[in-house]
Amino acid sequence: MDVKFSHIGICVSDLERSVRFYCEGLGFELVQSHTVGQEFGRLMELDDVVLQSRFVSRDGISVELLHFDSPGHSGEPERRPMNQLGITHLSLRVGDLDAVAHVIESLGGTVLGGTRTTFGSSDALDFVYCTDPDGVRIELMHIPG
């Protein structure tokens, strides 16, 4: 079977803020920009589609940030429960968890301090959940070595 991973799509409320968050905050690189129209309406199951698409990439993984000019976005910028069916989170290995968490907050994300979980003492495994500005859950994990 000839199947290869392509990308993950995330609907965003403010495209420039999200590009900045993922590029400046999480080290992604902006690699493609597109304006998409009604030619994709059937695929997306939406009428009168006009959207801006920005592909950001790092470590061989691409994320497509989608901002719908028409018909707009729906839903609230809230993180989903971990046990809700569907994609639960993005996960990133980091060298300095506190430094990355600080940058996330400075760019409009949220650090969920109550989720911080550490195992061990000197070479500790350290995890915390954060969200992007639209509530997408992001796991930061520091794993020494």
N, C-alpha and C. Protein backbone atom coordinates (compact mmCIF):
# COMPACT_ATOMS: atom_id res chain seq x y z
N MET A 1 0.84 -1.18 0.00
CA MET A 1 0.00 0.00 0.00
C MET A 1 0.89 1.24 0.00
N ASP A 2 0.68 2.14 -0.92
CA ASP A 2 1.50 3.35 -1.03
C ASP A 2 0.81 4.51 -0.32
N VAL A 3 1.07 4.66 0.98
CA VAL A 3 0.47 5.70 1.80
C VAL A 3 1.59 6.42 2.54
N LYS A 4 1.58 7.76 2.48
CA LYS A 4 2.58 8.56 3.19
C LYS A 4 1.87 9.67 3.96
N PHE A 5 2.37 9.98 5.13
CA PHE A 5 1.81 11.06 5.93
C PHE A 5 2.01 12.38 5.19
N SER A 6 1.00 13.22 5.17
CA SER A 6 1.09 14.52 4.52
C SER A 6 1.13 15.65 5.55
N HIS A 7 0.04 15.86 6.29
CA HIS A 7 0.00 16.98 7.23
C HIS A 7 -1.18 16.85 8.19
N ILE A 8 -1.18 17.70 9.18
CA ILE A 8 -2.29 17.86 10.12
C ILE A 8 -2.85 19.26 9.89
N GLY A 9 -4.17 19.40 9.84
CA GLY A 9 -4.79 20.70 9.65
C GLY A 9 -5.39 21.22 10.95
N ILE A 10 -5.20 22.53 11.19
CA ILE A 10 -5.75 23.17 12.38
C ILE A 10 -6.47 24.44 11.95
N CYS A 11 -7.75 24.55 12.29
CA CYS A 11 -8.53 25.76 12.03
C CYS A 11 -8.16 26.80 13.09
N VAL A 12 -7.84 28.02 12.64
CA VAL A 12 -7.40 29.07 13.55
C VAL A 12 -8.27 30.32 13.39
N SER A 13 -8.39 31.09 14.47
CA SER A 13 -9.21 32.30 14.43
C SER A 13 -8.44 33.52 13.96
N ASP A 14 -7.13 33.54 14.17
CA ASP A 14 -6.29 34.67 13.78
C ASP A 14 -5.03 34.09 13.13
N LEU A 15 -4.98 34.15 11.81
CA LEU A 15 -3.92 33.47 11.06
C LEU A 15 -2.53 33.99 11.39
N GLU A 16 -2.35 35.29 11.40
CA GLU A 16 -1.02 35.83 11.66
C GLU A 16 -0.55 35.49 13.07
N ARG A 17 -1.46 35.56 14.06
CA ARG A 17 -1.10 35.19 15.43
C ARG A 17 -0.68 33.73 15.49
N SER A 18 -1.39 32.85 14.79
CA SER A 18 -1.06 31.43 14.82
C SER A 18 0.24 31.12 14.10
N VAL A 19 0.49 31.78 12.96
CA VAL A 19 1.77 31.59 12.27
C VAL A 19 2.91 32.01 13.20
N ARG A 20 2.75 33.15 13.84
CA ARG A 20 3.78 33.61 14.78
C ARG A 20 3.97 32.62 15.93
N PHE A 21 2.86 32.13 16.48
CA PHE A 21 2.92 31.18 17.59
C PHE A 21 3.69 29.92 17.20
N TYR A 22 3.33 29.32 16.08
CA TYR A 22 3.97 28.07 15.67
C TYR A 22 5.40 28.28 15.19
N CYS A 23 5.67 29.39 14.51
CA CYS A 23 7.03 29.62 13.99
C CYS A 23 7.96 30.17 15.06
N GLU A 24 7.59 31.27 15.69
CA GLU A 24 8.47 31.88 16.70
C GLU A 24 8.46 31.10 18.00
N GLY A 25 7.31 30.56 18.36
CA GLY A 25 7.19 29.88 19.65
C GLY A 25 7.62 28.44 19.64
N LEU A 26 7.33 27.73 18.56
CA LEU A 26 7.59 26.29 18.54
C LEU A 26 8.61 25.87 17.48
N GLY A 27 9.19 26.83 16.78
CA GLY A 27 10.28 26.52 15.86
C GLY A 27 9.88 25.97 14.51
N PHE A 28 8.61 26.10 14.14
CA PHE A 28 8.20 25.69 12.80
C PHE A 28 8.67 26.74 11.80
N GLU A 29 8.72 26.36 10.53
CA GLU A 29 9.10 27.27 9.45
C GLU A 29 7.93 27.39 8.48
N LEU A 30 7.59 28.62 8.11
CA LEU A 30 6.54 28.83 7.12
C LEU A 30 7.07 28.37 5.76
N VAL A 31 6.37 27.40 5.13
CA VAL A 31 6.88 26.84 3.88
C VAL A 31 5.94 27.04 2.70
N GLN A 32 4.66 27.27 2.93
CA GLN A 32 3.72 27.48 1.83
C GLN A 32 2.57 28.35 2.29
N SER A 33 2.06 29.17 1.35
CA SER A 33 0.87 29.99 1.58
C SER A 33 -0.07 29.83 0.40
N HIS A 34 -1.36 29.66 0.70
CA HIS A 34 -2.35 29.48 -0.36
C HIS A 34 -3.64 30.22 0.00
N THR A 35 -4.33 30.69 -1.02
CA THR A 35 -5.71 31.11 -0.89
C THR A 35 -6.55 30.04 -1.56
N VAL A 36 -7.53 29.53 -0.86
CA VAL A 36 -8.36 28.43 -1.34
C VAL A 36 -9.79 28.93 -1.47
N GLY A 37 -10.44 28.56 -2.56
CA GLY A 37 -11.80 29.00 -2.81
C GLY A 37 -12.77 27.84 -2.91
N GLN A 38 -13.90 28.13 -3.54
CA GLN A 38 -15.00 27.19 -3.64
C GLN A 38 -14.63 25.88 -4.32
N GLU A 39 -13.51 25.84 -5.06
CA GLU A 39 -13.10 24.58 -5.69
C GLU A 39 -12.90 23.47 -4.66
N PHE A 40 -12.69 23.83 -3.38
CA PHE A 40 -12.55 22.83 -2.32
C PHE A 40 -13.78 22.75 -1.42
N GLY A 41 -14.82 23.49 -1.75
CA GLY A 41 -16.04 23.49 -0.94
C GLY A 41 -16.65 22.12 -0.76
N ARG A 42 -16.73 21.35 -1.86
CA ARG A 42 -17.30 20.00 -1.78
C ARG A 42 -16.47 19.12 -0.86
N LEU A 43 -15.15 19.17 -1.02
CA LEU A 43 -14.27 18.38 -0.17
C LEU A 43 -14.46 18.74 1.30
N MET A 44 -14.57 20.03 1.59
CA MET A 44 -14.69 20.50 2.98
C MET A 44 -16.12 20.47 3.51
N GLU A 45 -17.06 20.16 2.63
CA GLU A 45 -18.47 20.13 3.00
C GLU A 45 -18.96 21.47 3.53
N LEU A 46 -18.51 22.55 2.86
CA LEU A 46 -18.89 23.91 3.23
C LEU A 46 -19.27 24.68 1.97
N ASP A 47 -20.23 25.58 2.11
CA ASP A 47 -20.62 26.44 1.00
C ASP A 47 -19.84 27.74 1.07
N ASP A 48 -19.61 28.33 -0.11
CA ASP A 48 -18.98 29.65 -0.22
C ASP A 48 -17.63 29.73 0.51
N VAL A 49 -16.80 28.71 0.32
CA VAL A 49 -15.51 28.64 1.00
C VAL A 49 -14.51 29.63 0.41
N VAL A 50 -13.91 30.42 1.28
CA VAL A 50 -12.72 31.21 0.98
C VAL A 50 -11.86 31.09 2.23
N LEU A 51 -10.65 30.58 2.07
CA LEU A 51 -9.79 30.45 3.25
C LEU A 51 -8.35 30.73 2.89
N GLN A 52 -7.62 31.10 3.91
CA GLN A 52 -6.17 31.29 3.81
C GLN A 52 -5.52 30.09 4.47
N SER A 53 -4.55 29.51 3.79
CA SER A 53 -3.85 28.32 4.27
C SER A 53 -2.37 28.64 4.39
N ARG A 54 -1.79 28.31 5.53
CA ARG A 54 -0.35 28.46 5.74
C ARG A 54 0.19 27.12 6.24
N PHE A 55 1.13 26.57 5.48
CA PHE A 55 1.79 25.34 5.91
C PHE A 55 3.06 25.71 6.68
N VAL A 56 3.18 25.16 7.88
CA VAL A 56 4.40 25.31 8.67
C VAL A 56 4.97 23.92 8.88
N SER A 57 6.29 23.83 8.98
CA SER A 57 6.92 22.52 9.02
C SER A 57 8.11 22.51 9.97
N ARG A 58 8.34 21.37 10.58
CA ARG A 58 9.56 21.11 11.35
C ARG A 58 9.69 19.62 11.56
N ASP A 59 10.93 19.16 11.58
CA ASP A 59 11.23 17.75 11.86
C ASP A 59 10.46 16.81 10.93
N GLY A 60 10.22 17.24 9.70
CA GLY A 60 9.54 16.39 8.73
C GLY A 60 8.02 16.34 8.89
N ILE A 61 7.47 17.13 9.80
CA ILE A 61 6.03 17.16 10.03
C ILE A 61 5.49 18.52 9.57
N SER A 62 4.40 18.48 8.83
CA SER A 62 3.75 19.72 8.37
C SER A 62 2.41 19.90 9.05
N VAL A 63 2.12 21.14 9.41
CA VAL A 63 0.84 21.54 9.98
C VAL A 63 0.27 22.60 9.06
N GLU A 64 -0.98 22.43 8.66
CA GLU A 64 -1.66 23.43 7.84
C GLU A 64 -2.56 24.25 8.75
N LEU A 65 -2.26 25.55 8.83
CA LEU A 65 -3.09 26.48 9.59
C LEU A 65 -4.12 27.04 8.64
N LEU A 66 -5.41 26.87 8.96
CA LEU A 66 -6.51 27.24 8.08
C LEU A 66 -7.32 28.37 8.71
N HIS A 67 -7.42 29.49 8.01
CA HIS A 67 -8.26 30.60 8.48
C HIS A 67 -9.38 30.80 7.46
N PHE A 68 -10.62 30.60 7.88
CA PHE A 68 -11.77 30.69 7.00
C PHE A 68 -12.29 32.12 6.93
N ASP A 69 -12.02 32.78 5.80
CA ASP A 69 -12.61 34.10 5.56
C ASP A 69 -14.11 33.94 5.39
N SER A 70 -14.53 32.87 4.71
CA SER A 70 -15.94 32.54 4.53
C SER A 70 -16.05 31.03 4.56
N PRO A 71 -16.90 30.46 5.32
CA PRO A 71 -17.97 31.05 6.09
C PRO A 71 -17.57 31.48 7.50
N GLY A 72 -16.32 31.61 7.80
CA GLY A 72 -15.85 31.89 9.16
C GLY A 72 -15.63 30.60 9.92
N HIS A 73 -15.16 30.72 11.15
CA HIS A 73 -14.93 29.52 11.96
C HIS A 73 -16.09 29.34 12.95
N SER A 74 -16.18 28.15 13.50
CA SER A 74 -17.20 27.88 14.52
C SER A 74 -16.51 27.26 15.73
N GLY A 75 -17.22 27.27 16.82
CA GLY A 75 -16.67 26.69 18.05
C GLY A 75 -15.96 27.71 18.89
N GLU A 76 -15.62 27.29 20.07
CA GLU A 76 -14.94 28.14 21.04
C GLU A 76 -13.48 27.72 21.16
N PRO A 77 -12.61 28.66 21.48
CA PRO A 77 -11.18 28.32 21.63
C PRO A 77 -10.89 27.63 22.96
N GLU A 78 -11.40 26.42 23.10
CA GLU A 78 -11.25 25.66 24.34
C GLU A 78 -10.56 24.34 24.05
N ARG A 79 -9.72 23.89 24.97
CA ARG A 79 -9.07 22.60 24.78
C ARG A 79 -10.10 21.49 24.98
N ARG A 80 -9.89 20.43 24.22
CA ARG A 80 -10.77 19.28 24.28
C ARG A 80 -10.33 18.36 25.42
N PRO A 81 -11.28 17.66 26.04
CA PRO A 81 -10.89 16.66 27.03
C PRO A 81 -10.04 15.58 26.37
N MET A 82 -9.08 15.06 27.10
CA MET A 82 -8.18 14.04 26.56
C MET A 82 -8.93 12.77 26.16
N ASN A 83 -10.05 12.49 26.80
CA ASN A 83 -10.77 11.25 26.49
C ASN A 83 -11.89 11.47 25.46
N GLN A 84 -11.93 12.67 24.82
CA GLN A 84 -12.89 12.90 23.74
C GLN A 84 -12.33 12.28 22.47
N LEU A 85 -13.18 11.56 21.75
CA LEU A 85 -12.74 10.91 20.52
C LEU A 85 -12.15 11.92 19.55
N GLY A 86 -11.14 11.52 18.83
CA GLY A 86 -10.49 12.39 17.86
C GLY A 86 -9.06 12.70 18.29
N ILE A 87 -8.44 13.58 17.54
CA ILE A 87 -7.06 13.96 17.84
C ILE A 87 -7.02 14.68 19.17
N THR A 88 -6.12 14.27 20.04
CA THR A 88 -6.07 14.85 21.39
C THR A 88 -5.03 15.94 21.57
N HIS A 89 -3.86 15.81 20.90
CA HIS A 89 -2.82 16.80 21.15
C HIS A 89 -1.66 16.66 20.17
N LEU A 90 -0.85 17.71 20.11
CA LEU A 90 0.45 17.67 19.44
C LEU A 90 1.48 17.51 20.54
N SER A 91 2.58 16.85 20.27
CA SER A 91 3.59 16.63 21.29
C SER A 91 4.96 17.04 20.76
N LEU A 92 5.70 17.78 21.58
CA LEU A 92 7.03 18.26 21.21
C LEU A 92 8.03 17.92 22.31
N ARG A 93 9.18 17.36 21.91
CA ARG A 93 10.29 17.19 22.85
C ARG A 93 11.04 18.50 22.94
N VAL A 94 11.36 18.93 24.14
CA VAL A 94 12.04 20.20 24.35
C VAL A 94 13.24 20.01 25.26
N GLY A 95 14.24 20.87 25.07
CA GLY A 95 15.41 20.84 25.93
C GLY A 95 15.18 21.56 27.25
N ASP A 96 14.45 22.66 27.21
CA ASP A 96 14.18 23.47 28.41
C ASP A 96 12.68 23.74 28.46
N LEU A 97 11.99 22.91 29.22
CA LEU A 97 10.54 22.99 29.29
C LEU A 97 10.06 24.35 29.76
N ASP A 98 10.67 24.90 30.79
CA ASP A 98 10.24 26.19 31.32
C ASP A 98 10.42 27.32 30.31
N ALA A 99 11.51 27.30 29.56
CA ALA A 99 11.76 28.35 28.57
C ALA A 99 10.72 28.29 27.45
N VAL A 100 10.41 27.10 26.96
CA VAL A 100 9.41 26.97 25.89
C VAL A 100 8.03 27.34 26.42
N ALA A 101 7.71 26.94 27.65
CA ALA A 101 6.42 27.31 28.24
C ALA A 101 6.29 28.82 28.35
N HIS A 102 7.36 29.50 28.72
CA HIS A 102 7.33 30.97 28.81
C HIS A 102 7.06 31.59 27.45
N VAL A 103 7.70 31.10 26.41
CA VAL A 103 7.48 31.62 25.05
C VAL A 103 6.04 31.37 24.62
N ILE A 104 5.51 30.20 24.91
CA ILE A 104 4.12 29.90 24.57
C ILE A 104 3.18 30.92 25.19
N GLU A 105 3.37 31.22 26.46
CA GLU A 105 2.52 32.23 27.11
C GLU A 105 2.71 33.61 26.50
N SER A 106 3.93 33.96 26.13
CA SER A 106 4.18 35.30 25.58
C SER A 106 3.56 35.48 24.20
N LEU A 107 3.23 34.38 23.52
CA LEU A 107 2.66 34.44 22.17
C LEU A 107 1.17 34.10 22.15
N GLY A 108 0.51 34.17 23.29
CA GLY A 108 -0.94 33.99 23.34
C GLY A 108 -1.43 32.61 23.69
N GLY A 109 -0.52 31.69 23.96
CA GLY A 109 -0.92 30.35 24.40
C GLY A 109 -1.12 30.32 25.90
N THR A 110 -1.48 29.17 26.40
CA THR A 110 -1.71 28.99 27.83
C THR A 110 -0.93 27.78 28.31
N VAL A 111 -0.25 27.92 29.44
CA VAL A 111 0.42 26.79 30.08
C VAL A 111 -0.51 26.30 31.18
N LEU A 112 -0.84 25.03 31.16
CA LEU A 112 -1.73 24.43 32.15
C LEU A 112 -0.88 23.88 33.28
N GLY A 113 -0.47 24.78 34.17
CA GLY A 113 0.48 24.45 35.23
C GLY A 113 0.09 23.25 36.07
N GLY A 114 -1.21 23.05 36.26
CA GLY A 114 -1.69 21.93 37.06
C GLY A 114 -1.44 20.58 36.43
N THR A 115 -1.05 20.56 35.14
CA THR A 115 -0.77 19.28 34.47
C THR A 115 0.70 18.88 34.57
N ARG A 116 1.53 19.75 35.10
CA ARG A 116 2.98 19.48 35.16
C ARG A 116 3.22 18.18 35.91
N THR A 117 3.93 17.26 35.27
CA THR A 117 4.21 15.95 35.84
C THR A 117 5.69 15.64 35.65
N THR A 118 6.36 15.34 36.76
CA THR A 118 7.80 15.08 36.74
C THR A 118 8.07 13.73 37.39
N PHE A 119 8.92 12.94 36.74
CA PHE A 119 9.33 11.64 37.26
C PHE A 119 10.83 11.64 37.45
N GLY A 120 11.29 11.21 38.62
CA GLY A 120 12.72 11.15 38.89
C GLY A 120 13.20 12.43 39.52
N SER A 121 14.54 12.53 39.72
CA SER A 121 15.08 13.70 40.39
C SER A 121 16.14 14.40 39.54
N SER A 122 17.33 13.82 39.39
CA SER A 122 18.40 14.52 38.68
C SER A 122 18.17 14.56 37.17
N ASP A 123 17.92 13.43 36.53
CA ASP A 123 17.61 13.37 35.10
C ASP A 123 16.12 13.13 34.93
N ALA A 124 15.32 14.08 35.41
CA ALA A 124 13.88 13.91 35.48
C ALA A 124 13.22 13.94 34.11
N LEU A 125 12.18 13.13 33.97
CA LEU A 125 11.25 13.23 32.86
C LEU A 125 10.25 14.30 33.27
N ASP A 126 10.01 15.26 32.40
CA ASP A 126 9.20 16.42 32.78
C ASP A 126 8.20 16.70 31.66
N PHE A 127 6.92 16.82 32.01
CA PHE A 127 5.85 17.01 31.03
C PHE A 127 4.91 18.14 31.49
N VAL A 128 4.35 18.86 30.55
CA VAL A 128 3.28 19.80 30.86
C VAL A 128 2.44 20.00 29.60
N TYR A 129 1.15 20.19 29.80
CA TYR A 129 0.26 20.52 28.69
C TYR A 129 0.11 22.02 28.60
N CYS A 130 0.00 22.47 27.36
CA CYS A 130 -0.24 23.88 27.04
C CYS A 130 -1.34 23.90 25.98
N THR A 131 -1.77 25.08 25.61
CA THR A 131 -2.65 25.21 24.45
C THR A 131 -2.14 26.33 23.57
N ASP A 132 -2.46 26.22 22.29
CA ASP A 132 -2.18 27.33 21.38
C ASP A 132 -3.27 28.39 21.60
N PRO A 133 -3.24 29.52 20.93
CA PRO A 133 -4.23 30.57 21.18
C PRO A 133 -5.68 30.15 20.89
N ASP A 134 -5.89 29.07 20.14
CA ASP A 134 -7.25 28.60 19.85
C ASP A 134 -7.63 27.35 20.63
N GLY A 135 -6.85 26.99 21.63
CA GLY A 135 -7.21 25.88 22.51
C GLY A 135 -6.70 24.52 22.09
N VAL A 136 -5.87 24.43 21.03
CA VAL A 136 -5.31 23.14 20.63
C VAL A 136 -4.28 22.72 21.67
N ARG A 137 -4.45 21.52 22.20
CA ARG A 137 -3.57 21.02 23.27
C ARG A 137 -2.20 20.65 22.70
N ILE A 138 -1.16 21.12 23.39
CA ILE A 138 0.22 20.84 23.01
C ILE A 138 0.94 20.29 24.24
N GLU A 139 1.55 19.13 24.09
CA GLU A 139 2.32 18.53 25.17
C GLU A 139 3.78 18.90 24.99
N LEU A 140 4.37 19.47 26.01
CA LEU A 140 5.82 19.69 26.04
C LEU A 140 6.40 18.58 26.91
N MET A 141 7.43 17.92 26.38
CA MET A 141 8.05 16.87 27.19
C MET A 141 9.56 16.99 27.12
N HIS A 142 10.16 16.98 28.30
CA HIS A 142 11.61 16.98 28.40
C HIS A 142 12.01 15.57 28.83
N ILE A 143 12.74 14.91 27.94
CA ILE A 143 13.23 13.57 28.22
C ILE A 143 14.75 13.63 28.04
N PRO A 144 15.51 13.60 29.13
CA PRO A 144 16.96 13.71 29.04
C PRO A 144 17.57 12.62 28.15
N GLY A 145 18.68 13.00 27.54
CA GLY A 145 19.42 12.00 26.79
C GLY A 145 19.31 12.14 25.37
